[in-house]
Protein backbone atom coordinates (compact mmCIF):
# COMPACT_ATOMS: atom_id res chain seq x y z
CA MET A 1 127.67 126.69 66.91
CA GLU A 2 124.21 127.86 65.90
CA ALA A 3 120.91 126.02 66.07
CA ARG A 4 119.64 124.75 62.72
CA MET A 5 115.92 125.14 63.56
CA ASN A 6 113.73 127.39 65.68
CA GLY A 7 111.62 124.87 67.57
CA PRO A 8 109.49 121.91 66.50
CA ALA A 9 108.06 122.02 63.02
CA ASN A 10 104.76 120.36 63.94
CA PRO A 11 102.49 121.41 66.83
CA ASP A 12 101.07 117.86 67.04
CA VAL A 13 104.52 116.74 68.19
CA ILE A 14 104.27 119.07 71.20
CA THR A 15 100.86 117.62 72.12
CA ALA A 16 102.17 114.05 71.85
CA ILE A 17 105.19 114.87 74.01
CA GLN A 18 102.98 116.50 76.64
CA HIS A 19 100.91 113.30 76.85
CA LEU A 20 104.03 111.18 77.24
CA TYR A 21 105.35 113.42 80.01
CA LYS A 22 101.98 113.23 81.75
CA ALA A 23 102.38 109.44 81.73
CA VAL A 24 105.92 109.69 83.13
CA HIS A 25 104.81 111.93 85.99
CA ALA A 26 101.81 109.73 86.76
CA GLY A 27 104.17 106.80 87.37
CA GLY A 28 104.86 107.69 90.99
CA VAL A 29 108.60 108.40 90.72
CA ASP A 30 110.01 111.35 92.65
CA GLN A 31 110.72 114.35 90.39
CA ARG A 32 114.26 114.65 91.76
CA LEU A 33 115.02 111.09 90.68
CA LEU A 34 113.49 111.67 87.23
CA SER A 35 115.75 114.72 86.91
CA LEU A 36 118.80 112.61 87.78
CA VAL A 37 117.74 110.05 85.17
CA HIS A 38 117.33 112.82 82.59
CA LEU A 39 120.70 114.30 83.54
CA ARG A 40 122.60 111.00 83.35
CA THR A 41 121.06 110.09 80.00
CA SER A 42 121.94 113.51 78.60
CA GLN A 43 125.50 113.33 79.94
CA ILE A 44 126.01 110.01 78.18
CA ASN A 45 124.68 111.43 74.91
CA GLY A 46 126.52 114.75 75.21
CA CYS A 47 123.35 116.82 74.94
CA SER A 48 124.13 120.21 76.49
CA PRO A 49 120.59 121.65 76.34
CA CYS A 50 119.19 118.62 78.16
CA VAL A 51 122.00 118.63 80.72
CA TYR A 52 121.18 122.29 81.36
CA ALA A 53 117.42 121.67 81.52
CA SER A 54 117.72 118.67 83.85
CA ILE A 55 119.91 120.60 86.28
CA GLU A 56 117.42 123.47 86.33
CA SER A 57 114.53 121.06 86.86
CA ALA A 58 116.37 119.19 89.61
CA ARG A 59 117.23 122.39 91.45
CA LYS A 60 113.60 123.49 91.35
CA ALA A 61 112.64 120.10 92.80
CA GLY A 62 115.10 120.63 95.67
CA GLU A 63 118.14 118.72 94.44
CA THR A 64 121.56 119.78 95.78
CA ASP A 65 124.48 120.99 93.70
CA GLU A 66 126.71 118.38 95.33
CA ARG A 67 124.56 115.53 94.02
CA LEU A 68 124.08 117.14 90.61
CA HIS A 69 127.82 117.61 90.14
CA HIS A 70 128.48 113.98 90.94
CA VAL A 71 125.88 112.20 88.81
CA VAL A 72 128.53 111.62 86.17
CA ALA A 73 130.51 109.58 88.75
CA TRP A 74 127.61 108.20 90.81
CA ARG A 75 129.24 104.80 91.34
CA GLU A 76 132.27 106.33 93.08
CA THR A 77 130.42 108.70 95.42
CA PRO A 78 128.46 108.24 98.65
CA PHE A 79 125.71 110.71 97.70
CA TYR A 80 123.05 108.34 96.30
CA THR A 81 120.69 105.81 97.83
CA ASP A 82 120.50 102.19 96.70
CA GLU A 83 117.21 103.04 94.98
CA GLU A 84 118.83 105.92 93.06
CA ARG A 85 121.81 103.74 92.14
CA ALA A 86 119.47 101.09 90.73
CA ALA A 87 117.67 103.75 88.66
CA LEU A 88 120.95 105.21 87.40
CA ALA A 89 122.27 101.76 86.44
CA LEU A 90 119.01 101.09 84.56
CA THR A 91 119.32 104.50 82.91
CA GLU A 92 122.83 103.83 81.68
CA ALA A 93 122.04 100.32 80.44
CA ALA A 94 118.92 101.48 78.58
CA THR A 95 120.84 104.36 76.99
CA ARG A 96 124.01 102.49 76.01
CA ILE A 97 122.61 99.95 73.55
CA GLN A 98 124.85 100.61 70.57
CA ASP A 99 127.39 98.30 68.94
CA GLY A 100 126.64 95.15 70.89
CA ALA A 101 126.40 96.70 74.35
CA PRO A 102 124.45 94.31 76.58
CA GLY A 103 121.71 96.83 77.37
CA VAL A 104 119.54 96.07 80.39
CA THR A 105 120.76 92.78 81.81
CA ASP A 106 118.67 90.62 84.16
CA GLU A 107 120.94 91.71 87.03
CA ILE A 108 120.30 95.42 86.34
CA TRP A 109 116.57 94.84 85.88
CA ASP A 110 116.25 92.77 89.04
CA ALA A 111 118.11 95.39 91.09
CA ALA A 112 115.74 98.09 89.83
CA ALA A 113 112.69 95.86 90.36
CA ASP A 114 113.74 95.43 93.99
CA HIS A 115 113.17 99.16 94.51
CA PHE A 116 110.41 100.13 92.09
CA SER A 117 106.93 98.94 91.18
CA GLU A 118 106.12 98.04 87.57
CA GLU A 119 104.40 101.41 87.16
CA GLN A 120 107.49 103.21 88.45
CA LEU A 121 109.80 101.13 86.25
CA GLY A 122 107.63 102.05 83.29
CA ALA A 123 107.93 105.73 84.19
CA ILE A 124 111.73 105.52 84.51
CA ILE A 125 112.06 103.69 81.20
CA LEU A 126 109.78 106.19 79.48
CA GLU A 127 111.84 109.06 80.97
CA VAL A 128 115.01 107.47 79.57
CA ALA A 129 113.38 106.96 76.16
CA MET A 130 112.00 110.52 76.04
CA THR A 131 115.37 111.94 77.06
CA ASN A 132 117.12 109.90 74.37
CA LEU A 133 114.58 111.25 71.87
CA PHE A 134 115.28 114.85 72.86
CA ASN A 135 119.03 114.24 72.99
CA ARG A 136 119.01 113.01 69.42
CA ILE A 137 116.81 115.82 68.16
CA ASN A 138 118.92 118.44 69.94
CA ARG A 139 122.15 116.99 68.60
CA ALA A 140 120.75 116.89 65.05
CA VAL A 141 119.51 120.49 65.08
CA ARG A 142 122.40 121.82 67.21
CA GLU A 143 120.12 123.18 69.92
CA GLN A 144 121.95 125.39 72.38
CA ALA A 145 122.12 125.03 76.17
CA GLY A 146 120.42 127.68 78.24
CA LYS A 147 117.51 128.27 75.94
CA THR A 148 114.07 128.25 77.53
CA TRP A 149 111.47 126.20 75.72
C-alpha cells in the first residue's frame, strides 16, 4: 500500500493543529496517559501510523512495553490504575459512536469525573477527537506507519 498524498495540503492546517495540541497539553493530563488514549483510539480505528506514533511518544515519556502491549486488552490486565481505566473507558466510548452505539454514558462520564478535573476531562476528550481526526485522514490517504512527520 502506498500513501496517496505527501503531507498536508494547507500550512494553515498545521498551525491550527499545533494550537489544539497546545490546548491538550495545557490540560494537566500526564503525557503517558495521553499516549495511551491516543494508542487506544488508533487501535480501535485501525490506524497504523497513529499506533506507531503513540507507542513512540509513550516510550519517550517513560511508558513500559508491557503496558503498551496490553492497552488493547486493558480490561483484562492488572497493569492500569483506576484513573487510567476510567480514561480508557471514556476513550473507547467517545470513539465508538457509530451505528447506534451508546457513546459516553453517564456511568462512564461519572467514573472519569471521579478521577479528573473538568480541565483534564476536556484535554482527554480533545485528545480523543484529535486522534480520531488523524485516524480518519491517515486512513483516507493511506499514510504508512513508521514515517516521521
